[in-house]
Protein backbone atom coordinates (compact mmCIF):
# COMPACT_ATOMS: atom_id res chain seq x y z
CA MET A 1 11.50 -7.62 21.06
CA MET A 2 12.79 -6.93 17.55
CA ILE A 3 15.79 -9.17 16.90
CA GLN A 4 18.69 -7.52 15.10
CA CYS A 5 21.28 -10.31 15.28
CA ILE A 6 21.70 -13.66 17.04
CA SER A 7 24.81 -15.50 18.18
CA ILE A 8 24.78 -19.01 19.68
CA HIS A 9 27.34 -20.20 22.23
CA GLU A 10 27.38 -23.91 23.01
CA GLY A 11 28.95 -25.37 26.11
CA LEU A 12 28.50 -27.71 29.09
CA GLU A 13 26.22 -26.76 31.94
CA LYS A 14 28.41 -27.29 35.04
CA LYS A 15 25.74 -28.27 37.57
CA THR A 16 23.91 -30.87 35.48
CA GLY A 17 26.44 -31.91 32.86
CA ARG A 18 23.86 -31.28 30.09
CA SER A 19 24.68 -29.64 26.80
CA VAL A 20 23.26 -26.11 26.52
CA SER A 21 23.16 -23.30 24.00
CA TYR A 22 23.14 -19.63 24.91
CA VAL A 23 21.45 -17.41 22.34
CA SER A 24 22.53 -13.80 22.70
CA ALA A 25 20.00 -11.58 20.96
CA ARG A 26 20.89 -7.94 20.51
CA SER A 27 17.70 -5.96 20.18
CA PHE A 28 16.99 -3.19 17.74
CA GLY A 29 17.16 -0.86 20.71
CA GLN A 30 20.90 -1.48 20.99
CA LEU A 31 21.39 0.68 17.93
CA PHE A 32 20.20 3.62 19.98
CA SER A 33 20.78 2.80 23.64
CA GLY A 34 24.10 1.04 24.05
CA GLU A 35 25.04 -2.56 24.77
CA MET A 36 21.67 -3.88 25.85
CA GLU A 37 21.68 -7.67 25.50
CA THR A 38 19.31 -10.47 26.43
CA LYS A 39 20.48 -14.04 26.97
CA VAL A 40 18.19 -16.96 26.14
CA SER A 41 19.36 -20.22 27.73
CA VAL A 42 18.32 -23.52 26.17
CA LEU A 43 18.31 -25.61 29.37
CA ALA A 44 17.58 -29.03 27.97
CA PHE A 45 16.95 -30.76 24.68
CA SER A 46 15.30 -34.17 24.65
CA GLU A 47 16.29 -36.58 21.87
CA VAL A 48 13.20 -38.64 22.76
CA ASP A 49 10.35 -36.18 22.23
CA ARG A 50 12.36 -33.46 20.44
CA THR A 51 11.37 -30.80 22.95
CA THR A 52 13.40 -27.91 24.24
CA GLN A 53 13.19 -26.12 27.59
CA VAL A 54 14.02 -22.43 27.33
CA SER A 55 14.52 -19.71 29.90
CA VAL A 56 15.02 -16.04 29.17
CA GLY A 57 17.06 -13.75 31.35
CA ALA A 58 18.94 -10.50 31.15
CA ALA A 59 22.68 -10.49 30.76
CA PRO A 60 24.55 -9.09 33.77
CA GLY A 61 24.17 -5.33 33.96
CA ALA A 62 21.51 -5.16 31.26
CA PRO A 63 18.59 -2.73 31.81
CA ASP A 64 15.05 -3.96 32.42
CA LEU A 65 13.33 -4.47 29.07
CA ALA A 66 10.04 -3.27 30.52
CA THR A 67 11.53 0.19 31.04
CA MET A 68 12.96 0.47 27.54
CA PRO A 69 11.12 2.79 25.11
CA ARG A 70 9.11 1.12 22.37
CA LEU A 71 10.78 1.73 19.03
CA THR A 72 9.01 2.11 15.73
CA THR A 73 9.72 0.59 12.34
CA THR A 74 7.61 -0.26 9.31
CA VAL A 75 5.88 -3.58 8.81
CA PRO A 76 7.87 -5.88 6.47
CA ARG A 77 7.77 -4.42 2.98
CA GLU A 78 7.20 -7.88 1.53
CA TYR A 79 3.83 -8.06 3.31
CA VAL A 80 2.54 -4.98 1.45
CA HIS A 81 4.19 -5.83 -1.89
CA ARG A 82 6.55 -2.85 -1.90
CA SER A 83 10.22 -2.87 -2.87
CA SER A 84 11.12 0.44 -1.23
CA LEU A 85 10.84 0.83 2.54
CA ALA A 86 10.00 4.50 1.94
CA GLU A 87 6.74 3.37 0.29
CA VAL A 88 5.53 1.34 3.30
CA PHE A 89 2.93 3.39 5.20
CA LEU A 90 2.07 0.88 7.97
CA SER A 91 4.10 0.44 11.15
CA GLY A 92 2.16 -1.97 13.36
CA CYS A 93 -0.94 -4.10 13.89
CA GLU A 94 -2.94 -5.43 16.85
CA LYS A 95 -5.61 -8.11 16.55
CA LEU A 96 -8.88 -6.96 18.16
CA ASP A 97 -10.87 -10.13 17.44
CA ASP A 98 -11.04 -12.78 14.73
CA SER A 99 -11.94 -10.27 12.02
CA ARG A 100 -11.05 -6.81 13.36
CA PHE A 101 -7.63 -5.22 13.62
CA GLY A 102 -6.14 -1.98 14.86
CA LEU A 103 -3.20 -0.68 12.86
CA VAL A 104 -0.88 2.29 13.03
CA GLY A 105 0.95 4.03 10.24
CA GLN A 106 2.55 7.23 9.08
CA TRP A 107 2.49 9.53 6.07
CA PRO A 108 5.60 11.63 5.37
CA ARG A 109 5.35 15.39 5.12
CA ALA A 110 6.76 15.61 1.61
CA HIS A 111 6.07 12.51 -0.43
CA THR A 112 7.30 12.85 -4.00
CA PHE A 113 4.01 11.64 -5.50
CA PHE A 114 1.21 11.57 -2.90
CA THR A 115 1.27 15.30 -2.10
CA SER A 116 -0.78 18.15 -3.55
CA ASN A 117 1.02 20.34 -6.07
CA ASP A 118 1.31 23.22 -3.61
CA GLY A 119 2.83 20.86 -1.00
CA GLY A 120 0.17 21.69 1.55
CA ARG A 121 -1.98 18.57 1.63
CA HIS A 122 -1.74 14.78 1.47
CA ASP A 123 -3.20 13.53 -1.78
CA SER A 124 -6.34 11.42 -1.53
CA MET A 125 -4.58 8.72 -3.58
CA GLN A 126 -2.26 8.20 -0.61
CA ALA A 127 -5.28 7.01 1.38
CA VAL A 128 -6.08 4.62 -1.49
CA GLU A 129 -2.56 3.17 -1.42
CA THR A 130 -2.59 2.89 2.39
CA ILE A 131 -5.87 0.98 2.40
CA ARG A 132 -4.54 -1.30 -0.35
CA GLN A 133 -1.52 -2.04 1.87
CA VAL A 134 -3.80 -2.90 4.80
CA GLY A 135 -5.51 -5.61 2.76
CA LEU A 136 -2.24 -7.19 1.66
CA TYR A 137 -0.70 -7.00 5.13
CA LEU A 138 -3.67 -8.62 6.88
CA ALA A 139 -3.81 -11.43 4.31
CA HIS A 140 -0.14 -12.31 4.83
CA ALA A 141 0.55 -11.48 8.47
CA GLU A 142 -2.77 -12.24 10.15
CA PHE A 143 -4.42 -14.85 7.92
CA GLY A 144 -1.34 -16.74 6.82
CA VAL A 145 -1.45 -16.27 3.04
CA PRO A 146 2.09 -17.24 1.96
CA LEU A 147 4.40 -14.76 0.30
CA GLY A 148 4.46 -15.40 -3.42
CA HIS A 149 0.68 -15.56 -3.70
CA GLN A 150 -0.91 -13.02 -6.02
CA PHE A 151 -3.96 -10.87 -5.27
CA LEU A 152 -6.87 -9.93 -7.47
CA MET A 153 -8.38 -6.60 -6.41
CA TRP A 154 -11.97 -6.66 -7.65
CA ASP A 155 -13.01 -3.23 -6.44
CA MET A 156 -11.84 -0.33 -4.32
CA THR A 157 -13.88 2.46 -2.76
CA VAL A 158 -12.26 5.30 -0.80
CA THR A 159 -13.64 8.53 0.62
CA ALA A 160 -11.14 11.14 1.78
CA TYR A 161 -11.76 14.34 3.72
CA PRO A 162 -9.36 16.97 2.33
CA GLU A 163 -9.87 19.31 5.29
CA TYR A 164 -8.13 16.71 7.48
CA LEU A 165 -5.35 15.98 4.98
CA VAL A 166 -3.53 19.28 5.51
CA ILE A 167 0.17 18.63 6.14
CA GLY A 168 1.37 19.81 9.55
CA PRO A 169 4.78 20.44 11.14
CA ALA A 170 5.43 16.71 11.65
CA PRO A 171 4.69 13.46 9.79
CA SER A 172 1.04 12.42 9.99
CA GLU A 173 0.52 9.64 12.53
CA LEU A 174 -2.35 7.35 11.57
CA ASN A 175 -4.67 5.08 13.53
CA LEU A 176 -6.55 2.61 11.38
CA THR A 177 -9.26 0.08 12.09
CA ALA A 178 -9.88 -2.76 9.64
CA ALA A 179 -12.85 -5.11 9.59
CA CYS A 180 -12.80 -8.20 7.36
CA THR A 181 -16.02 -9.83 6.16
CA ASP A 182 -17.24 -12.35 3.57
CA MET A 183 -14.19 -14.49 4.17
CA LYS A 184 -13.89 -17.64 2.05
CA TRP A 185 -11.40 -20.40 2.71
CA LYS A 186 -9.92 -23.25 0.69
CA GLY A 187 -9.05 -25.70 3.39
CA ARG A 188 -6.96 -23.70 5.86
CA ARG A 189 -5.93 -21.05 3.34
CA LEU A 190 -7.76 -17.74 2.95
CA ALA A 191 -9.06 -17.49 -0.62
CA GLU A 192 -11.17 -14.33 -0.64
CA PHE A 193 -12.22 -11.51 1.69
CA THR A 194 -13.82 -8.08 1.81
CA MET A 195 -12.30 -5.35 3.95
CA HIS A 196 -13.40 -1.96 5.29
CA VAL A 197 -10.87 0.44 6.79
CA THR A 198 -11.13 3.73 8.64
CA VAL A 199 -8.12 6.07 8.83
CA GLU A 200 -7.90 8.59 11.66
CA ARG A 201 -5.37 11.35 12.17
CA ASP A 202 -5.30 13.40 15.37
CA GLY A 203 -8.63 11.83 16.32
CA LYS A 204 -10.33 12.96 13.10
CA LEU A 205 -11.57 10.65 10.36
CA CYS A 206 -9.47 11.61 7.32
CA ALA A 207 -10.32 8.66 5.05
CA ALA A 208 -12.36 5.46 4.88
CA GLY A 209 -12.81 2.73 2.34
CA GLY A 210 -12.11 -0.82 1.36
CA GLY A 211 -12.32 -3.45 -1.31
CA ARG A 212 -12.60 -7.12 -2.18
CA PHE A 213 -9.57 -9.33 -2.75
CA THR A 214 -8.95 -12.86 -4.03
CA CYS A 215 -5.73 -14.66 -3.04
CA ILE A 216 -4.21 -16.82 -5.78
CA ALA A 217 -1.55 -19.51 -5.36
CA PRO A 218 1.51 -19.24 -7.67
CA ALA A 219 0.63 -22.32 -9.75
CA THR A 220 -2.93 -21.11 -10.28
CA TYR A 221 -1.69 -17.66 -11.26
CA GLN A 222 0.72 -19.19 -13.77
CA ARG A 223 -2.17 -21.01 -15.45
CA LEU A 224 -4.36 -17.90 -15.33
CA ARG A 225 -1.73 -15.70 -16.96
CA SER A 226 -0.06 -18.23 -19.27
CA ALA A 227 -1.30 -16.57 -22.45
CA SER A 228 -0.39 -13.00 -21.41
CA THR A 229 2.62 -10.98 -22.50
CA ARG A 230 4.55 -10.34 -19.31
CA VAL A 231 7.23 -7.99 -20.60
CA ARG A 232 6.88 -4.47 -19.19
CA ARG A 233 7.31 -1.64 -21.66
CA ALA A 234 10.75 -0.06 -21.61
CA HIS A 235 9.46 3.47 -22.23
CA ARG A 236 6.35 5.55 -22.88
CA LEU A 237 4.51 5.21 -26.17
CA CYS A 238 4.18 9.01 -26.57
CA ALA A 239 6.22 12.02 -25.55
CA VAL A 240 4.75 14.19 -22.76
CA SER A 241 3.71 17.62 -24.01
CA PRO A 242 4.81 20.68 -21.97
CA ASP A 243 1.24 21.53 -20.90
CA ALA A 244 0.22 17.96 -19.99
CA PRO A 245 1.03 18.14 -16.25
CA SER A 246 -1.07 21.28 -15.69
CA THR A 247 -3.95 19.85 -17.71
CA LEU A 248 -3.91 16.54 -15.82
CA GLY A 249 -3.53 17.93 -12.29
CA ARG A 250 0.14 17.07 -11.84
CA ALA A 251 3.20 19.25 -11.35
CA ALA A 252 5.84 17.02 -12.99
CA PRO A 253 5.88 15.42 -16.47
CA PHE A 254 7.28 12.26 -14.84
CA ASP A 255 3.95 11.75 -12.99
CA VAL A 256 1.73 11.99 -16.08
CA VAL A 257 0.06 8.66 -16.97
CA LEU A 258 -2.16 9.77 -19.89
CA ALA A 259 -1.45 10.75 -23.47
CA PRO A 260 -4.01 12.62 -25.61
CA ALA A 261 -6.20 10.69 -28.05
CA ASP A 262 -7.83 11.84 -31.29
CA ARG A 263 -10.97 13.30 -29.67
CA PRO A 264 -11.98 15.16 -26.48
CA GLY A 265 -12.63 13.11 -23.35
CA HIS A 266 -10.39 10.25 -24.53
CA TRP A 267 -6.80 9.40 -23.55
CA LEU A 268 -4.27 6.62 -23.85
CA VAL A 269 -2.95 5.09 -20.61
CA ASP A 270 0.77 5.78 -21.04
CA PRO A 271 2.72 5.88 -17.76
CA ASP A 272 6.49 6.01 -17.47
CA PRO A 273 7.45 2.38 -16.66
CA SER A 274 10.46 3.59 -14.69
CA HIS A 275 8.29 5.55 -12.23
CA PRO A 276 9.53 4.55 -8.75
CA ILE A 277 6.12 4.73 -7.04
CA LEU A 278 3.66 3.53 -9.68
CA PHE A 279 6.03 0.72 -10.72
CA ASP A 280 7.69 0.07 -7.37
CA HIS A 281 7.87 -3.68 -8.02
CA ASP A 282 7.66 -6.07 -10.95
CA ALA A 283 4.23 -6.73 -12.44
CA ASP A 284 3.05 -8.59 -15.53
CA HIS A 285 0.18 -6.12 -16.09
CA ILE A 286 -0.60 -2.44 -15.62
CA PRO A 287 -1.13 -2.07 -11.84
CA GLY A 288 -4.51 -1.09 -10.42
CA MET A 289 -2.97 2.00 -8.79
CA VAL A 290 -1.92 3.22 -12.27
CA LEU A 291 -5.48 2.79 -13.55
CA MET A 292 -6.93 4.67 -10.58
CA GLU A 293 -4.40 7.47 -11.09
CA ALA A 294 -5.40 7.53 -14.77
CA ALA A 295 -9.03 8.03 -13.72
CA ARG A 296 -8.03 10.85 -11.40
CA GLN A 297 -5.98 12.60 -14.13
CA ALA A 298 -8.82 12.22 -16.64
CA ALA A 299 -11.19 13.86 -14.14
CA CYS A 300 -8.77 16.76 -13.67
CA ALA A 301 -8.50 17.24 -17.43
CA LEU A 302 -12.25 17.06 -17.98
CA THR A 303 -12.98 19.75 -15.36
CA GLN A 304 -10.41 22.25 -16.68
CA PRO A 305 -9.92 25.16 -16.23
CA ARG A 306 -11.32 24.76 -12.71
CA LEU A 307 -9.17 23.10 -10.04
CA PHE A 308 -10.52 19.64 -9.19
CA THR A 309 -9.82 18.14 -5.74
CA PRO A 310 -10.90 14.49 -5.65
CA SER A 311 -12.49 13.20 -2.45
CA GLN A 312 -14.22 9.97 -3.45
CA LEU A 313 -13.20 7.16 -5.75
CA ARG A 314 -15.18 4.02 -6.60
CA THR A 315 -13.45 1.57 -8.92
CA GLU A 316 -14.37 -1.83 -10.30
CA PHE A 317 -11.70 -3.96 -11.99
CA LEU A 318 -13.02 -6.29 -14.68
CA ARG A 319 -9.88 -7.83 -16.22
CA TYR A 320 -6.13 -7.32 -16.37
CA ALA A 321 -4.82 -4.33 -18.33
CA GLU A 322 -1.99 -5.73 -20.43
CA PHE A 323 1.23 -4.06 -21.55
CA ASP A 324 1.09 -5.35 -25.14
CA ALA A 325 -2.01 -3.48 -26.33
CA PRO A 326 -3.25 0.13 -26.01
CA CYS A 327 -5.55 0.82 -23.07
CA TRP A 328 -7.91 3.71 -23.76
CA ILE A 329 -9.65 5.96 -21.23
CA GLU A 330 -13.03 7.60 -21.81
CA ALA A 331 -14.34 10.13 -19.28
CA SER A 332 -17.65 11.97 -19.04
CA LEU A 333 -19.23 14.40 -16.60
CA GLU A 334 -22.26 13.26 -14.59
CA PRO A 335 -24.81 15.57 -12.88
CA ALA A 336 -23.48 17.17 -9.68
CA GLU A 337 -24.29 19.98 -7.26
CA PRO A 338 -22.74 23.42 -7.90
CA GLY A 339 -19.10 23.47 -6.88
CA PHE A 340 -18.76 19.69 -7.25
CA ALA A 341 -17.97 17.31 -10.09
CA ASN A 342 -18.82 13.65 -10.69
CA VAL A 343 -16.78 12.01 -13.42
CA GLN A 344 -17.44 8.58 -14.91
CA VAL A 345 -14.36 6.86 -16.34
CA VAL A 346 -14.12 3.65 -18.36
CA GLY A 347 -10.92 1.93 -19.47
CA ARG A 348 -11.01 -0.30 -22.56
CA GLN A 349 -8.50 -2.60 -24.18
CA ASN A 350 -8.95 -4.79 -27.26
CA GLY A 351 -12.60 -3.72 -27.40
CA GLU A 352 -13.41 -4.88 -23.85
CA ASP A 353 -13.94 -2.94 -20.63
CA VAL A 354 -10.94 -3.29 -18.27
CA PHE A 355 -12.15 -1.13 -15.39
CA ALA A 356 -14.77 1.46 -14.52
CA ALA A 357 -14.43 4.28 -12.01
CA GLN A 358 -16.48 7.10 -10.61
CA ILE A 359 -14.49 9.92 -9.10
CA SER A 360 -16.03 12.87 -7.26
CA GLY A 361 -14.68 16.04 -5.70
CA THR A 362 -14.83 19.79 -5.37
CA LEU A 363 -14.25 22.45 -8.02
CA ASP A 364 -12.42 25.70 -7.35
CA ASP A 365 -12.43 28.64 -9.75
CA THR A 366 -9.03 29.71 -8.44
CA ARG A 367 -6.34 27.82 -10.31
CA ASP A 368 -3.37 26.45 -8.35
CA ASP A 369 -0.41 28.61 -9.45
CA THR A 370 1.85 25.57 -9.31
CA LEU A 371 -0.15 24.06 -12.16
CA VAL A 372 0.40 26.98 -14.56
């Protein structure tokens, strides 16, 4: 039962003369179904062995909890490192065995960022973000990694199936299965794991992927990042040109994360630091989701004037991308079958590779009118 509020009433139990506490817990269901209340009676508390005997019973006139409908909410936003509840795509989890989990989630019909420009399809990057959330949630909620720990994402691979990402007349209900492997522990604390996730919608596989994560304690992270500049930029480095969104596969200038460089196939990573999705929470470096979006936009630009629909992304993260130095993107086309494109992307900062990505998808000769 989801607890909404708790009140404790202390008194004297008449039959035994023992002190008792009555905990009245109003469930989340009360918000929708009236004055349903459950009373938890603390029958006895032993000062000797510090144990408590508890019985649970329904308040007089309360309906049977077993007959109440199961209500849905998101998982705690803190477990997926999101500030906004609207950006939490998971709603529940069930442990299948020691390393496998069944999860449920939902994608909204009209997300402001993770939707195709014509509004007709979920963007493949939404599958990337959902799988990222699965890894964080399992680490915290199922394996006990404390809140406040940081996560290193070493790699991320996601395959999406655009034909099953078409937006319907209702939000998309998701069924996910996650399998964790290569788990390493430091004492009783999870230190590293690899995860593979499948995402089904209406019984069809719409995405699959996973990645490798390292969990870092706050003190260790402080030492690791002590020499970095942790101040986020207050604004973009360059103004967004009027034709940039159409060139980069986006409809709105606000969503553009690249600025042109001095030669073809090169860009500067230059997101708007006030973007509510890409910078949903504080970070002392450019987030991995921003770098993957940069790779996707570079692929769209490189395949112009044809419309590029990404379906597979493989990314390896080599070091942190810092705010205090330019991060440059270089993209090149690799051999591909007719009607498809394979794009290799490398991000560099201070002369060193920061990340590498390969992004693949289909090409359409018909331009999306919303991009013109």
